């Protein structure tokens, strides 16, 4: 079992013992998403793959929260935001804007990217380094701005 999956399992047990039903529900959602992919692919996920699953869950909740806010449903948006905070507890520390900018510039220099046609090369280099640590949609926007400049 991967270290991250073991951490989630231990967190689930701790939440059960403490009676924190709200946190327990979110942790169970994470474990269920991981288990679903393991069943579908018939292989056990490693920590990097689990981080990708959790990162995707955060992105889905950000989108849902925005939609609920736009639809004037603050109670539902609050639940999504709460789930994001729990998910982020298990993701690596987020990168600062300065760190993201430096990594983008380094990747552009390393790949020799000069136009939008090189966007895939830059994203391919950055994604493994930033997975779970940065919003890849925002990173993509920054890369486009740099390549169009």
N, C-alpha and C. Protein backbone atom coordinates (compact mmCIF):
# COMPACT_ATOMS: atom_id res chain seq x y z
N UNK A 1 0.85 -1.18 0.00
CA UNK A 1 0.00 0.00 0.00
C UNK A 1 0.90 1.24 0.00
N UNK A 2 0.53 2.23 -0.81
CA UNK A 2 1.33 3.45 -0.88
C UNK A 2 1.23 4.21 0.44
N UNK A 3 2.22 5.05 0.68
CA UNK A 3 2.28 5.81 1.93
C UNK A 3 1.08 6.76 2.05
N UNK A 4 0.72 7.40 0.95
CA UNK A 4 -0.39 8.35 0.97
C UNK A 4 -1.72 7.64 1.24
N UNK A 5 -1.90 6.48 0.64
CA UNK A 5 -3.12 5.71 0.87
C UNK A 5 -3.20 5.26 2.33
N UNK A 6 -2.05 4.87 2.90
CA UNK A 6 -2.00 4.47 4.30
C UNK A 6 -2.33 5.67 5.20
N UNK A 7 -1.83 6.84 4.84
CA UNK A 7 -2.12 8.06 5.60
C UNK A 7 -3.62 8.34 5.58
N UNK A 8 -4.24 8.20 4.41
CA UNK A 8 -5.69 8.42 4.30
C UNK A 8 -6.47 7.41 5.13
N UNK A 9 -6.04 6.17 5.11
CA UNK A 9 -6.72 5.13 5.89
C UNK A 9 -6.61 5.43 7.39
N UNK A 10 -5.42 5.84 7.82
CA UNK A 10 -5.22 6.19 9.23
C UNK A 10 -6.06 7.41 9.61
N UNK A 11 -6.16 8.39 8.69
CA UNK A 11 -6.97 9.58 8.95
C UNK A 11 -8.45 9.21 9.06
N UNK A 12 -8.87 8.24 8.25
CA UNK A 12 -10.26 7.80 8.31
C UNK A 12 -10.54 7.17 9.68
N UNK A 13 -9.64 6.34 10.16
CA UNK A 13 -9.81 5.72 11.48
C UNK A 13 -9.84 6.77 12.58
N UNK A 14 -8.96 7.77 12.47
CA UNK A 14 -8.92 8.83 13.48
C UNK A 14 -10.22 9.64 13.47
N UNK A 15 -10.74 9.92 12.28
CA UNK A 15 -12.00 10.68 12.17
C UNK A 15 -13.16 9.87 12.74
N UNK A 16 -13.14 8.55 12.54
CA UNK A 16 -14.18 7.69 13.10
C UNK A 16 -14.15 7.75 14.63
N UNK A 17 -12.94 7.64 15.18
CA UNK A 17 -12.78 7.64 16.64
C UNK A 17 -13.18 8.97 17.26
N UNK A 18 -12.87 10.07 16.57
CA UNK A 18 -13.17 11.39 17.12
C UNK A 18 -14.63 11.80 16.88
N UNK A 19 -15.32 11.09 15.99
CA UNK A 19 -16.72 11.41 15.70
C UNK A 19 -16.90 12.58 14.76
N UNK A 20 -15.84 12.94 14.01
CA UNK A 20 -15.90 14.05 13.06
C UNK A 20 -16.50 13.52 11.75
N UNK A 21 -17.83 13.51 11.69
CA UNK A 21 -18.53 12.90 10.55
C UNK A 21 -18.29 13.64 9.24
N UNK A 22 -18.20 14.96 9.33
CA UNK A 22 -18.01 15.75 8.12
C UNK A 22 -16.66 15.43 7.47
N UNK A 23 -15.60 15.42 8.28
CA UNK A 23 -14.26 15.09 7.78
C UNK A 23 -14.21 13.63 7.31
N UNK A 24 -14.83 12.75 8.05
CA UNK A 24 -14.87 11.34 7.70
C UNK A 24 -15.49 11.14 6.32
N UNK A 25 -16.56 11.86 6.04
CA UNK A 25 -17.22 11.76 4.75
C UNK A 25 -16.30 12.14 3.60
N UNK A 26 -15.52 13.20 3.78
CA UNK A 26 -14.60 13.64 2.72
C UNK A 26 -13.48 12.62 2.52
N UNK A 27 -12.95 12.10 3.62
CA UNK A 27 -11.87 11.12 3.51
C UNK A 27 -12.38 9.85 2.83
N UNK A 28 -13.58 9.45 3.16
CA UNK A 28 -14.17 8.28 2.49
C UNK A 28 -14.35 8.53 1.00
N UNK A 29 -14.72 9.77 0.62
CA UNK A 29 -14.84 10.10 -0.80
C UNK A 29 -13.50 9.93 -1.51
N UNK A 30 -12.42 10.38 -0.85
CA UNK A 30 -11.09 10.25 -1.44
C UNK A 30 -10.73 8.78 -1.62
N UNK A 31 -10.92 8.00 -0.58
CA UNK A 31 -10.57 6.58 -0.66
C UNK A 31 -11.43 5.85 -1.70
N UNK A 32 -12.69 6.24 -1.80
CA UNK A 32 -13.58 5.62 -2.79
C UNK A 32 -13.12 5.95 -4.21
N UNK A 33 -12.70 7.19 -4.45
CA UNK A 33 -12.22 7.58 -5.78
C UNK A 33 -10.96 6.80 -6.13
N UNK A 34 -10.08 6.64 -5.17
CA UNK A 34 -8.85 5.89 -5.40
C UNK A 34 -9.18 4.42 -5.69
N UNK A 35 -10.05 3.85 -4.87
CA UNK A 35 -10.43 2.44 -5.03
C UNK A 35 -11.10 2.21 -6.38
N UNK A 36 -11.94 3.15 -6.82
CA UNK A 36 -12.63 3.03 -8.10
C UNK A 36 -11.62 2.91 -9.25
N UNK A 37 -10.60 3.75 -9.21
CA UNK A 37 -9.59 3.72 -10.27
C UNK A 37 -8.78 2.43 -10.18
N UNK A 38 -8.48 1.99 -8.96
CA UNK A 38 -7.74 0.74 -8.80
C UNK A 38 -8.54 -0.45 -9.36
N UNK A 39 -9.84 -0.45 -9.11
CA UNK A 39 -10.68 -1.53 -9.63
C UNK A 39 -10.75 -1.45 -11.15
N UNK A 40 -10.93 -0.25 -11.68
CA UNK A 40 -11.04 -0.09 -13.13
C UNK A 40 -9.76 -0.51 -13.86
N UNK A 41 -8.61 -0.13 -13.29
CA UNK A 41 -7.34 -0.42 -13.96
C UNK A 41 -6.72 -1.74 -13.51
N UNK A 42 -7.26 -2.33 -12.46
CA UNK A 42 -6.76 -3.58 -11.88
C UNK A 42 -5.30 -3.51 -11.47
N UNK A 43 -4.92 -2.34 -10.95
CA UNK A 43 -3.57 -2.19 -10.39
C UNK A 43 -3.62 -1.20 -9.24
N UNK A 44 -2.70 -1.36 -8.31
CA UNK A 44 -2.67 -0.47 -7.16
C UNK A 44 -1.97 0.83 -7.54
N UNK A 45 -2.55 1.95 -7.13
CA UNK A 45 -1.99 3.26 -7.48
C UNK A 45 -0.81 3.59 -6.58
N UNK A 46 0.17 4.28 -7.15
CA UNK A 46 1.28 4.77 -6.33
C UNK A 46 0.96 6.20 -5.87
N UNK A 47 1.85 6.79 -5.09
CA UNK A 47 1.59 8.11 -4.52
C UNK A 47 1.36 9.17 -5.59
N UNK A 48 2.12 9.14 -6.69
CA UNK A 48 1.96 10.14 -7.75
C UNK A 48 0.58 10.03 -8.40
N UNK A 49 0.12 8.81 -8.61
CA UNK A 49 -1.20 8.62 -9.22
C UNK A 49 -2.29 9.06 -8.24
N UNK A 50 -2.10 8.80 -6.97
CA UNK A 50 -3.08 9.22 -5.96
C UNK A 50 -3.14 10.74 -5.89
N UNK A 51 -1.97 11.39 -5.97
CA UNK A 51 -1.94 12.86 -5.98
C UNK A 51 -2.71 13.40 -7.17
N UNK A 52 -2.59 12.74 -8.32
CA UNK A 52 -3.33 13.18 -9.51
C UNK A 52 -4.83 13.06 -9.28
N UNK A 53 -5.27 11.98 -8.62
CA UNK A 53 -6.69 11.79 -8.30
C UNK A 53 -7.18 12.89 -7.37
N UNK A 54 -6.40 13.17 -6.31
CA UNK A 54 -6.79 14.19 -5.34
C UNK A 54 -6.80 15.58 -5.99
N UNK A 55 -5.83 15.83 -6.86
CA UNK A 55 -5.77 17.11 -7.57
C UNK A 55 -7.00 17.29 -8.44
N UNK A 56 -7.42 16.23 -9.10
CA UNK A 56 -8.62 16.28 -9.93
C UNK A 56 -9.86 16.55 -9.08
N UNK A 57 -9.90 15.94 -7.90
CA UNK A 57 -11.04 16.16 -7.00
C UNK A 57 -11.11 17.61 -6.55
N UNK A 58 -9.96 18.21 -6.28
CA UNK A 58 -9.93 19.63 -5.89
C UNK A 58 -10.45 20.49 -7.03
N UNK A 59 -10.00 20.20 -8.24
CA UNK A 59 -10.45 20.98 -9.41
C UNK A 59 -11.96 20.86 -9.59
N UNK A 60 -12.50 19.65 -9.44
CA UNK A 60 -13.95 19.47 -9.57
C UNK A 60 -14.70 20.28 -8.51
N UNK A 61 -14.18 20.29 -7.31
CA UNK A 61 -14.85 21.03 -6.24
C UNK A 61 -14.75 22.54 -6.42
N UNK A 62 -13.64 23.00 -6.97
CA UNK A 62 -13.53 24.44 -7.27
C UNK A 62 -14.58 24.85 -8.30
N UNK A 63 -14.71 24.02 -9.34
CA UNK A 63 -15.71 24.30 -10.38
C UNK A 63 -17.12 24.28 -9.79
N UNK A 64 -17.41 23.28 -8.97
CA UNK A 64 -18.74 23.17 -8.36
C UNK A 64 -19.01 24.36 -7.44
N UNK A 65 -18.03 24.74 -6.66
CA UNK A 65 -18.20 25.87 -5.74
C UNK A 65 -18.52 27.14 -6.51
N UNK A 66 -17.81 27.36 -7.62
CA UNK A 66 -18.07 28.55 -8.44
C UNK A 66 -19.49 28.51 -9.00
N UNK A 67 -19.92 27.34 -9.48
CA UNK A 67 -21.26 27.22 -10.03
C UNK A 67 -22.32 27.45 -8.95
N UNK A 68 -22.10 26.91 -7.76
CA UNK A 68 -23.06 27.11 -6.67
C UNK A 68 -23.12 28.58 -6.25
N UNK A 69 -21.97 29.23 -6.23
CA UNK A 69 -21.93 30.65 -5.89
C UNK A 69 -22.68 31.47 -6.94
N UNK A 70 -22.45 31.15 -8.20
CA UNK A 70 -23.14 31.85 -9.29
C UNK A 70 -24.64 31.62 -9.24
N UNK A 71 -25.06 30.44 -8.75
CA UNK A 71 -26.49 30.10 -8.68
C UNK A 71 -27.11 30.56 -7.35
N UNK A 72 -26.34 31.32 -6.55
CA UNK A 72 -26.82 31.84 -5.27
C UNK A 72 -27.22 30.70 -4.32
N UNK A 73 -26.34 29.71 -4.22
CA UNK A 73 -26.52 28.58 -3.30
C UNK A 73 -25.31 28.52 -2.37
N UNK A 74 -25.16 29.50 -1.48
CA UNK A 74 -23.94 29.57 -0.65
C UNK A 74 -23.72 28.37 0.26
N UNK A 75 -24.81 27.72 0.71
CA UNK A 75 -24.63 26.57 1.61
C UNK A 75 -23.95 25.41 0.88
N UNK A 76 -24.27 25.23 -0.39
CA UNK A 76 -23.64 24.17 -1.17
C UNK A 76 -22.19 24.55 -1.52
N UNK A 77 -21.96 25.82 -1.80
CA UNK A 77 -20.61 26.30 -2.09
C UNK A 77 -19.72 26.12 -0.85
N UNK A 78 -20.27 26.37 0.34
CA UNK A 78 -19.50 26.20 1.57
C UNK A 78 -19.07 24.76 1.75
N UNK A 79 -19.95 23.80 1.44
CA UNK A 79 -19.61 22.39 1.56
C UNK A 79 -18.46 22.04 0.60
N UNK A 80 -18.53 22.54 -0.62
CA UNK A 80 -17.46 22.27 -1.59
C UNK A 80 -16.14 22.87 -1.10
N UNK A 81 -16.20 24.09 -0.56
CA UNK A 81 -14.99 24.75 -0.06
C UNK A 81 -14.41 23.97 1.12
N UNK A 82 -15.29 23.44 1.99
CA UNK A 82 -14.82 22.63 3.11
C UNK A 82 -14.10 21.39 2.59
N UNK A 83 -14.68 20.74 1.59
CA UNK A 83 -14.06 19.55 1.02
C UNK A 83 -12.70 19.87 0.40
N UNK A 84 -12.58 21.05 -0.21
CA UNK A 84 -11.30 21.47 -0.78
C UNK A 84 -10.24 21.57 0.31
N UNK A 85 -10.61 22.16 1.46
CA UNK A 85 -9.63 22.32 2.54
C UNK A 85 -9.16 20.96 3.06
N UNK A 86 -10.08 20.00 3.15
CA UNK A 86 -9.69 18.66 3.61
C UNK A 86 -8.79 17.99 2.57
N UNK A 87 -9.16 18.09 1.30
CA UNK A 87 -8.35 17.49 0.23
C UNK A 87 -6.93 18.08 0.22
N UNK A 88 -6.84 19.39 0.43
CA UNK A 88 -5.54 20.05 0.38
C UNK A 88 -4.63 19.63 1.53
N UNK A 89 -5.22 19.11 2.62
CA UNK A 89 -4.42 18.60 3.72
C UNK A 89 -3.52 17.45 3.28
N UNK A 90 -3.92 16.74 2.24
CA UNK A 90 -3.19 15.56 1.79
C UNK A 90 -2.40 15.80 0.51
N UNK A 91 -2.46 17.02 -0.01
CA UNK A 91 -1.67 17.39 -1.18
C UNK A 91 -0.38 18.08 -0.72
N UNK A 92 0.67 18.05 -1.53
CA UNK A 92 1.90 18.77 -1.15
C UNK A 92 1.63 20.26 -1.02
N UNK A 93 2.51 20.95 -0.35
CA UNK A 93 2.36 22.39 -0.15
C UNK A 93 2.29 23.11 -1.50
N UNK A 94 1.37 24.04 -1.61
CA UNK A 94 1.17 24.76 -2.87
C UNK A 94 2.38 25.63 -3.19
N UNK A 95 2.63 25.80 -4.47
CA UNK A 95 3.72 26.65 -4.93
C UNK A 95 3.29 28.12 -4.87
N UNK A 96 4.23 28.99 -4.57
CA UNK A 96 3.93 30.43 -4.59
C UNK A 96 3.94 30.92 -6.04
N UNK A 97 3.38 32.10 -6.26
CA UNK A 97 3.36 32.66 -7.62
C UNK A 97 4.77 32.84 -8.16
N UNK A 98 5.69 33.27 -7.29
CA UNK A 98 7.08 33.47 -7.73
C UNK A 98 7.72 32.14 -8.14
N UNK A 99 7.45 31.08 -7.38
CA UNK A 99 7.99 29.77 -7.72
C UNK A 99 7.42 29.28 -9.05
N UNK A 100 6.13 29.50 -9.25
CA UNK A 100 5.49 29.09 -10.50
C UNK A 100 6.10 29.83 -11.68
N UNK A 101 6.25 31.15 -11.53
CA UNK A 101 6.85 31.97 -12.60
C UNK A 101 8.26 31.47 -12.94
N UNK A 102 9.06 31.19 -11.91
CA UNK A 102 10.44 30.73 -12.14
C UNK A 102 10.45 29.38 -12.85
N UNK A 103 9.55 28.47 -12.44
CA UNK A 103 9.49 27.15 -13.07
C UNK A 103 9.04 27.25 -14.52
N UNK A 104 8.09 28.16 -14.80
CA UNK A 104 7.62 28.35 -16.18
C UNK A 104 8.76 28.87 -17.04
N UNK A 105 9.47 29.89 -16.56
CA UNK A 105 10.57 30.47 -17.34
C UNK A 105 11.66 29.44 -17.59
N UNK A 106 11.96 28.62 -16.58
CA UNK A 106 12.98 27.58 -16.75
C UNK A 106 12.52 26.54 -17.77
N UNK A 107 11.25 26.15 -17.72
CA UNK A 107 10.74 25.15 -18.66
C UNK A 107 10.73 25.69 -20.08
N UNK A 108 10.38 26.97 -20.25
CA UNK A 108 10.39 27.58 -21.59
C UNK A 108 11.82 27.60 -22.12
N UNK A 109 12.77 27.95 -21.26
CA UNK A 109 14.17 27.98 -21.69
C UNK A 109 14.67 26.57 -22.02
N UNK A 110 14.34 25.60 -21.18
CA UNK A 110 14.80 24.21 -21.40
C UNK A 110 14.25 23.61 -22.69
N UNK A 111 12.99 23.91 -22.99
CA UNK A 111 12.37 23.32 -24.18
C UNK A 111 12.61 24.15 -25.43
N UNK A 112 13.11 25.36 -25.26
CA UNK A 112 13.33 26.24 -26.40
C UNK A 112 12.02 26.74 -26.99
N UNK A 113 10.98 26.77 -26.19
CA UNK A 113 9.66 27.20 -26.66
C UNK A 113 9.69 28.67 -27.07
N UNK A 114 9.07 28.95 -28.21
CA UNK A 114 9.05 30.32 -28.68
C UNK A 114 7.68 30.76 -29.16
N UNK A 115 6.75 29.80 -29.31
CA UNK A 115 5.42 30.16 -29.78
C UNK A 115 4.38 29.25 -29.13
N UNK A 116 3.12 29.52 -29.43
CA UNK A 116 2.03 28.73 -28.86
C UNK A 116 2.10 27.27 -29.30
N UNK A 117 2.76 26.99 -30.41
CA UNK A 117 2.88 25.61 -30.89
C UNK A 117 3.73 24.76 -29.95
N UNK A 118 4.53 25.42 -29.12
CA UNK A 118 5.40 24.72 -28.17
C UNK A 118 4.75 24.57 -26.79
N UNK A 119 3.50 24.96 -26.68
CA UNK A 119 2.78 24.92 -25.40
C UNK A 119 2.78 23.51 -24.80
N UNK A 120 2.56 22.50 -25.61
CA UNK A 120 2.52 21.11 -25.13
C UNK A 120 3.83 20.66 -24.52
N UNK A 121 4.95 21.08 -25.12
CA UNK A 121 6.27 20.72 -24.60
C UNK A 121 6.45 21.30 -23.20
N UNK A 122 6.08 22.57 -23.05
CA UNK A 122 6.25 23.25 -21.76
C UNK A 122 5.34 22.62 -20.70
N UNK A 123 4.08 22.38 -21.06
CA UNK A 123 3.15 21.76 -20.11
C UNK A 123 3.61 20.36 -19.74
N UNK A 124 4.12 19.62 -20.70
CA UNK A 124 4.62 18.27 -20.44
C UNK A 124 5.77 18.26 -19.45
N UNK A 125 6.60 19.27 -19.54
CA UNK A 125 7.74 19.38 -18.61
C UNK A 125 7.29 19.81 -17.22
N UNK A 126 6.30 20.71 -17.16
CA UNK A 126 5.88 21.27 -15.87
C UNK A 126 4.91 20.39 -15.09
N UNK A 127 4.05 19.66 -15.78
CA UNK A 127 2.99 18.92 -15.10
C UNK A 127 3.51 17.97 -14.02
N UNK A 128 4.52 17.16 -14.29
CA UNK A 128 4.99 16.26 -13.23
C UNK A 128 5.54 17.02 -12.01
N UNK A 129 6.15 18.18 -12.24
CA UNK A 129 6.73 18.96 -11.14
C UNK A 129 5.66 19.68 -10.32
N UNK A 130 4.55 20.04 -10.96
CA UNK A 130 3.55 20.87 -10.31
C UNK A 130 2.30 20.12 -9.89
N UNK A 131 2.18 18.83 -10.24
CA UNK A 131 0.98 18.05 -9.95
C UNK A 131 0.62 18.15 -8.47
N UNK A 132 -0.58 18.63 -8.20
CA UNK A 132 -1.06 18.74 -6.83
C UNK A 132 -0.55 19.96 -6.08
N UNK A 133 0.34 20.71 -6.71
CA UNK A 133 0.93 21.86 -6.03
C UNK A 133 0.52 23.19 -6.64
N UNK A 134 -0.15 23.14 -7.81
CA UNK A 134 -0.56 24.37 -8.49
C UNK A 134 -1.79 24.07 -9.35
N UNK A 135 -2.60 25.09 -9.56
CA UNK A 135 -3.76 24.97 -10.45
C UNK A 135 -3.23 25.00 -11.88
N UNK A 136 -3.29 23.86 -12.55
CA UNK A 136 -2.70 23.76 -13.88
C UNK A 136 -3.42 24.64 -14.90
N UNK A 137 -4.68 24.97 -14.67
CA UNK A 137 -5.39 25.89 -15.54
C UNK A 137 -4.78 27.28 -15.48
N UNK A 138 -4.46 27.72 -14.27
CA UNK A 138 -3.82 29.03 -14.10
C UNK A 138 -2.41 29.02 -14.68
N UNK A 139 -1.70 27.92 -14.48
CA UNK A 139 -0.35 27.78 -15.03
C UNK A 139 -0.39 27.87 -16.55
N UNK A 140 -1.37 27.20 -17.15
CA UNK A 140 -1.54 27.23 -18.59
C UNK A 140 -1.73 28.67 -19.09
N UNK A 141 -2.56 29.42 -18.38
CA UNK A 141 -2.79 30.82 -18.74
C UNK A 141 -1.50 31.64 -18.69
N UNK A 142 -0.68 31.39 -17.67
CA UNK A 142 0.59 32.13 -17.53
C UNK A 142 1.55 31.76 -18.66
N UNK A 143 1.56 30.49 -19.04
CA UNK A 143 2.43 30.05 -20.14
C UNK A 143 1.99 30.72 -21.44
N UNK A 144 0.68 30.75 -21.68
CA UNK A 144 0.15 31.39 -22.90
C UNK A 144 0.56 32.86 -22.94
N UNK A 145 0.41 33.54 -21.81
CA UNK A 145 0.78 34.97 -21.74
C UNK A 145 2.25 35.16 -22.05
N UNK A 146 3.10 34.29 -21.53
CA UNK A 146 4.54 34.39 -21.76
C UNK A 146 4.89 34.10 -23.22
N UNK A 147 4.26 33.07 -23.80
CA UNK A 147 4.59 32.71 -25.18
C UNK A 147 4.01 33.71 -26.19
N UNK A 148 2.93 34.37 -25.84
CA UNK A 148 2.34 35.37 -26.73
C UNK A 148 3.00 36.73 -26.63
N UNK A 149 3.82 36.92 -25.61
CA UNK A 149 4.45 38.23 -25.39
C UNK A 149 5.54 38.51 -26.38
